[in-house]
N, C-alpha and C. Protein backbone atom coordinates (compact mmCIF):
# COMPACT_ATOMS: atom_id res chain seq x y z
N MET A 1 0.84 -1.17 0.00
CA MET A 1 0.00 0.00 0.00
C MET A 1 0.89 1.24 0.00
N ALA A 2 0.54 2.25 -0.78
CA ALA A 2 1.33 3.46 -0.89
C ALA A 2 1.13 4.36 0.33
N GLU A 3 2.16 5.06 0.68
CA GLU A 3 2.11 6.00 1.80
C GLU A 3 1.22 7.18 1.42
N LYS A 4 0.27 7.54 2.30
CA LYS A 4 -0.67 8.62 2.02
C LYS A 4 -0.42 9.87 2.86
N ARG A 5 0.63 9.89 3.65
CA ARG A 5 0.88 11.01 4.54
C ARG A 5 1.33 12.25 3.77
N LYS A 6 0.88 13.41 4.27
CA LYS A 6 1.27 14.68 3.67
C LYS A 6 2.60 15.17 4.22
N HIS A 7 2.94 14.74 5.46
CA HIS A 7 4.15 15.19 6.14
C HIS A 7 4.91 13.98 6.69
N PRO A 8 6.25 14.07 6.75
CA PRO A 8 7.00 12.98 7.38
C PRO A 8 6.69 12.93 8.88
N ARG A 9 6.72 11.74 9.44
CA ARG A 9 6.40 11.61 10.85
C ARG A 9 7.66 11.34 11.66
N ARG A 10 7.57 11.67 12.94
CA ARG A 10 8.66 11.49 13.89
C ARG A 10 8.18 10.50 14.95
N ARG A 11 8.90 9.42 15.13
CA ARG A 11 8.51 8.41 16.13
C ARG A 11 8.88 8.90 17.52
N ILE A 12 7.93 8.75 18.44
CA ILE A 12 8.13 9.15 19.82
C ILE A 12 7.30 8.22 20.70
N LYS A 13 7.36 8.44 22.00
CA LYS A 13 6.51 7.72 22.94
C LYS A 13 6.22 8.68 24.08
N ARG A 14 5.04 9.31 24.03
CA ARG A 14 4.69 10.32 25.02
C ARG A 14 3.27 10.13 25.52
N PRO A 15 3.10 9.83 26.82
CA PRO A 15 1.76 9.70 27.37
C PRO A 15 1.06 11.06 27.41
N LEU A 16 -0.26 11.03 27.26
CA LEU A 16 -1.04 12.25 27.35
C LEU A 16 -2.50 11.90 27.63
N PHE A 17 -3.28 12.92 27.95
CA PHE A 17 -4.73 12.78 28.06
C PHE A 17 -5.35 13.61 26.95
N TYR A 18 -6.40 13.10 26.36
CA TYR A 18 -7.14 13.81 25.33
C TYR A 18 -8.62 13.67 25.68
N PHE A 19 -9.48 14.43 25.00
CA PHE A 19 -10.89 14.33 25.34
C PHE A 19 -11.78 14.44 24.11
N CYS A 20 -13.02 14.02 24.29
CA CYS A 20 -14.07 14.24 23.31
C CYS A 20 -15.21 14.93 24.03
N GLU A 21 -16.08 15.57 23.27
CA GLU A 21 -17.24 16.25 23.82
C GLU A 21 -18.43 15.31 23.71
N SER A 22 -19.16 15.16 24.80
CA SER A 22 -20.34 14.31 24.79
C SER A 22 -21.59 15.16 25.03
N ASP A 23 -22.64 14.86 24.29
CA ASP A 23 -23.92 15.51 24.55
C ASP A 23 -24.98 14.47 24.92
N ALA A 24 -24.51 13.29 25.28
CA ALA A 24 -25.43 12.22 25.71
C ALA A 24 -26.04 12.58 27.07
N PRO A 25 -27.31 12.27 27.27
CA PRO A 25 -27.93 12.55 28.57
C PRO A 25 -27.14 11.90 29.70
N GLY A 26 -26.86 12.68 30.72
CA GLY A 26 -26.11 12.18 31.86
C GLY A 26 -24.61 12.18 31.67
N GLN A 27 -24.13 12.50 30.46
CA GLN A 27 -22.69 12.52 30.17
C GLN A 27 -22.28 13.77 29.42
N ARG A 28 -22.97 14.86 29.61
CA ARG A 28 -22.64 16.09 28.89
C ARG A 28 -21.30 16.64 29.35
N GLY A 29 -20.53 17.12 28.39
CA GLY A 29 -19.23 17.72 28.71
C GLY A 29 -18.07 16.90 28.18
N ARG A 30 -16.93 17.15 28.73
CA ARG A 30 -15.70 16.50 28.27
C ARG A 30 -15.54 15.12 28.92
N ILE A 31 -15.12 14.17 28.10
CA ILE A 31 -14.77 12.84 28.58
C ILE A 31 -13.30 12.64 28.24
N TYR A 32 -12.48 12.49 29.28
CA TYR A 32 -11.03 12.36 29.09
C TYR A 32 -10.61 10.90 29.00
N TYR A 33 -9.59 10.66 28.17
CA TYR A 33 -9.03 9.32 27.98
C TYR A 33 -7.51 9.41 28.04
N PRO A 34 -6.84 8.38 28.58
CA PRO A 34 -5.38 8.33 28.50
C PRO A 34 -4.95 7.74 27.16
N GLY A 35 -3.82 8.17 26.69
CA GLY A 35 -3.27 7.63 25.45
C GLY A 35 -1.77 7.83 25.40
N THR A 36 -1.14 7.29 24.38
CA THR A 36 0.29 7.48 24.15
C THR A 36 0.50 7.87 22.70
N VAL A 37 1.13 9.01 22.49
CA VAL A 37 1.50 9.43 21.14
C VAL A 37 2.69 8.59 20.71
N VAL A 38 2.58 7.91 19.57
CA VAL A 38 3.67 7.06 19.08
C VAL A 38 4.38 7.65 17.87
N ASP A 39 3.73 8.60 17.20
CA ASP A 39 4.40 9.36 16.15
C ASP A 39 3.68 10.69 15.96
N SER A 40 4.41 11.65 15.41
CA SER A 40 3.89 13.00 15.27
C SER A 40 4.42 13.60 13.98
N SER A 41 3.60 14.42 13.35
CA SER A 41 4.00 15.19 12.18
C SER A 41 3.26 16.52 12.26
N PRO A 42 3.61 17.51 11.44
CA PRO A 42 2.88 18.77 11.48
C PRO A 42 1.38 18.61 11.22
N GLY A 43 0.99 17.54 10.55
CA GLY A 43 -0.42 17.35 10.21
C GLY A 43 -1.20 16.43 11.12
N GLY A 44 -0.52 15.70 12.02
CA GLY A 44 -1.29 14.78 12.85
C GLY A 44 -0.47 13.98 13.82
N LEU A 45 -1.17 13.01 14.45
CA LEU A 45 -0.58 12.18 15.48
C LEU A 45 -0.94 10.71 15.25
N GLY A 46 -0.05 9.81 15.63
CA GLY A 46 -0.36 8.40 15.78
C GLY A 46 -0.54 8.17 17.26
N LEU A 47 -1.62 7.51 17.65
CA LEU A 47 -1.97 7.41 19.06
C LEU A 47 -2.36 5.99 19.42
N LEU A 48 -1.90 5.52 20.59
CA LEU A 48 -2.35 4.26 21.16
C LEU A 48 -3.28 4.57 22.33
N THR A 49 -4.40 3.86 22.42
CA THR A 49 -5.35 4.07 23.50
C THR A 49 -6.10 2.78 23.78
N GLY A 50 -6.69 2.69 24.94
CA GLY A 50 -7.49 1.53 25.30
C GLY A 50 -8.96 1.71 24.95
N HIS A 51 -9.33 2.87 24.43
CA HIS A 51 -10.73 3.16 24.12
C HIS A 51 -10.97 3.10 22.61
N LEU A 52 -12.04 2.45 22.21
CA LEU A 52 -12.41 2.38 20.80
C LEU A 52 -13.14 3.65 20.38
N HIS A 53 -12.57 4.36 19.44
CA HIS A 53 -13.21 5.53 18.85
C HIS A 53 -13.71 5.13 17.46
N THR A 54 -14.27 6.06 16.72
CA THR A 54 -14.76 5.77 15.37
C THR A 54 -14.11 6.72 14.37
N CYS A 55 -13.96 6.26 13.15
CA CYS A 55 -13.44 7.12 12.09
C CYS A 55 -14.38 8.31 11.94
N GLY A 56 -13.80 9.49 11.82
CA GLY A 56 -14.58 10.71 11.70
C GLY A 56 -14.88 11.38 13.04
N GLU A 57 -14.58 10.70 14.14
CA GLU A 57 -14.85 11.27 15.47
C GLU A 57 -13.88 12.42 15.74
N ARG A 58 -14.39 13.49 16.37
CA ARG A 58 -13.57 14.65 16.73
C ARG A 58 -13.03 14.46 18.15
N LEU A 59 -11.72 14.58 18.28
CA LEU A 59 -11.04 14.50 19.57
C LEU A 59 -10.32 15.82 19.80
N TRP A 60 -10.06 16.13 21.06
CA TRP A 60 -9.37 17.36 21.42
C TRP A 60 -8.10 17.04 22.21
N PHE A 61 -7.05 17.79 21.92
CA PHE A 61 -5.75 17.60 22.57
C PHE A 61 -5.33 18.93 23.20
N GLU A 62 -4.78 18.84 24.41
CA GLU A 62 -4.28 20.02 25.10
C GLU A 62 -2.80 19.84 25.38
N ALA A 63 -2.10 20.95 25.46
CA ALA A 63 -0.69 20.96 25.86
C ALA A 63 0.19 20.06 25.00
N LEU A 64 0.05 20.15 23.69
CA LEU A 64 0.92 19.37 22.81
C LEU A 64 2.33 19.95 22.77
N GLY A 65 2.43 21.23 23.08
CA GLY A 65 3.72 21.90 23.25
C GLY A 65 4.81 21.52 22.28
N LYS A 66 5.82 20.79 22.75
CA LYS A 66 6.97 20.45 21.93
C LYS A 66 6.64 19.52 20.76
N LEU A 67 5.56 18.75 20.88
CA LEU A 67 5.18 17.86 19.78
C LEU A 67 4.69 18.64 18.57
N GLN A 68 4.00 19.73 18.82
CA GLN A 68 3.39 20.53 17.76
C GLN A 68 3.69 22.01 18.03
N PRO A 69 4.91 22.48 17.77
CA PRO A 69 5.29 23.85 18.11
C PRO A 69 4.37 24.92 17.50
N ARG A 70 3.83 24.66 16.33
CA ARG A 70 2.96 25.67 15.70
C ARG A 70 1.66 25.84 16.47
N ILE A 71 1.31 24.85 17.27
CA ILE A 71 0.07 24.89 18.05
C ILE A 71 0.33 25.37 19.47
N GLY A 72 1.44 24.94 20.05
CA GLY A 72 1.74 25.29 21.43
C GLY A 72 0.84 24.54 22.39
N ASP A 73 0.38 25.22 23.43
CA ASP A 73 -0.40 24.55 24.45
C ASP A 73 -1.89 24.83 24.38
N ARG A 74 -2.35 25.49 23.35
CA ARG A 74 -3.79 25.71 23.23
C ARG A 74 -4.48 24.42 22.79
N PRO A 75 -5.74 24.23 23.19
CA PRO A 75 -6.46 23.02 22.75
C PRO A 75 -6.60 23.01 21.22
N VAL A 76 -6.45 21.84 20.64
CA VAL A 76 -6.59 21.71 19.19
C VAL A 76 -7.40 20.45 18.89
N ALA A 77 -8.24 20.54 17.88
CA ALA A 77 -9.09 19.41 17.49
C ALA A 77 -8.38 18.53 16.47
N GLY A 78 -8.78 17.29 16.45
CA GLY A 78 -8.30 16.34 15.47
C GLY A 78 -9.43 15.40 15.09
N ILE A 79 -9.33 14.83 13.90
CA ILE A 79 -10.32 13.89 13.40
C ILE A 79 -9.67 12.52 13.26
N VAL A 80 -10.31 11.49 13.81
CA VAL A 80 -9.81 10.12 13.66
C VAL A 80 -9.97 9.72 12.19
N ARG A 81 -8.85 9.41 11.53
CA ARG A 81 -8.88 9.04 10.11
C ARG A 81 -8.83 7.53 9.90
N TRP A 82 -8.17 6.81 10.80
CA TRP A 82 -8.12 5.35 10.70
C TRP A 82 -7.84 4.78 12.08
N LEU A 83 -8.18 3.52 12.27
CA LEU A 83 -7.86 2.85 13.52
C LEU A 83 -7.76 1.36 13.30
N GLU A 84 -6.99 0.72 14.17
CA GLU A 84 -6.83 -0.73 14.12
C GLU A 84 -6.62 -1.25 15.53
N LYS A 85 -7.06 -2.46 15.77
CA LYS A 85 -6.93 -3.08 17.08
C LYS A 85 -5.73 -4.02 17.09
N GLY A 86 -5.03 -4.04 18.22
CA GLY A 86 -3.90 -4.94 18.36
C GLY A 86 -3.39 -4.96 19.78
N ASN A 87 -3.10 -6.12 20.31
CA ASN A 87 -2.53 -6.27 21.65
C ASN A 87 -3.35 -5.59 22.74
N GLY A 88 -4.66 -5.66 22.64
CA GLY A 88 -5.52 -5.10 23.67
C GLY A 88 -5.65 -3.59 23.64
N GLN A 89 -5.07 -2.95 22.64
CA GLN A 89 -5.17 -1.50 22.49
C GLN A 89 -5.61 -1.17 21.08
N TYR A 90 -5.91 0.10 20.88
CA TYR A 90 -6.27 0.59 19.56
C TYR A 90 -5.22 1.60 19.14
N ARG A 91 -4.81 1.48 17.90
CA ARG A 91 -3.91 2.48 17.33
C ARG A 91 -4.72 3.27 16.32
N MET A 92 -4.58 4.58 16.37
CA MET A 92 -5.34 5.40 15.44
C MET A 92 -4.49 6.54 14.89
N GLY A 93 -4.86 6.94 13.70
CA GLY A 93 -4.25 8.11 13.07
C GLY A 93 -5.21 9.26 13.20
N VAL A 94 -4.72 10.39 13.72
CA VAL A 94 -5.54 11.56 13.95
C VAL A 94 -4.99 12.72 13.15
N GLU A 95 -5.82 13.29 12.29
CA GLU A 95 -5.44 14.48 11.53
C GLU A 95 -5.80 15.70 12.35
N LEU A 96 -4.81 16.55 12.64
CA LEU A 96 -5.07 17.77 13.40
C LEU A 96 -5.72 18.80 12.48
N THR A 97 -6.83 19.35 12.92
CA THR A 97 -7.59 20.27 12.07
C THR A 97 -7.33 21.74 12.37
N GLY A 98 -6.67 22.01 13.50
CA GLY A 98 -6.35 23.40 13.84
C GLY A 98 -7.49 24.16 14.47
N ASP A 99 -8.63 23.51 14.71
CA ASP A 99 -9.77 24.21 15.34
C ASP A 99 -9.44 24.59 16.76
């Protein structure tokens, strides 16, 4: 399969918390999840997590700082573009949208 990335990625291993917004009754607001960034590029992140998300889901990241210097520590949105299950975790590719 041909590489579809717009930017070269940098392999890393950095734990972080990210969140999604819920409007479900009884669960309104932010829901935080732990994850580990396994690669980073100016356009997105590779992430390992124990929670199953869906393609197209919007996630939010805070304090990316050194991983994404153009963003700094302000919250930034990302869209799950792909995911796969393996070894009891999910790996997903997240495109940062800059929102």
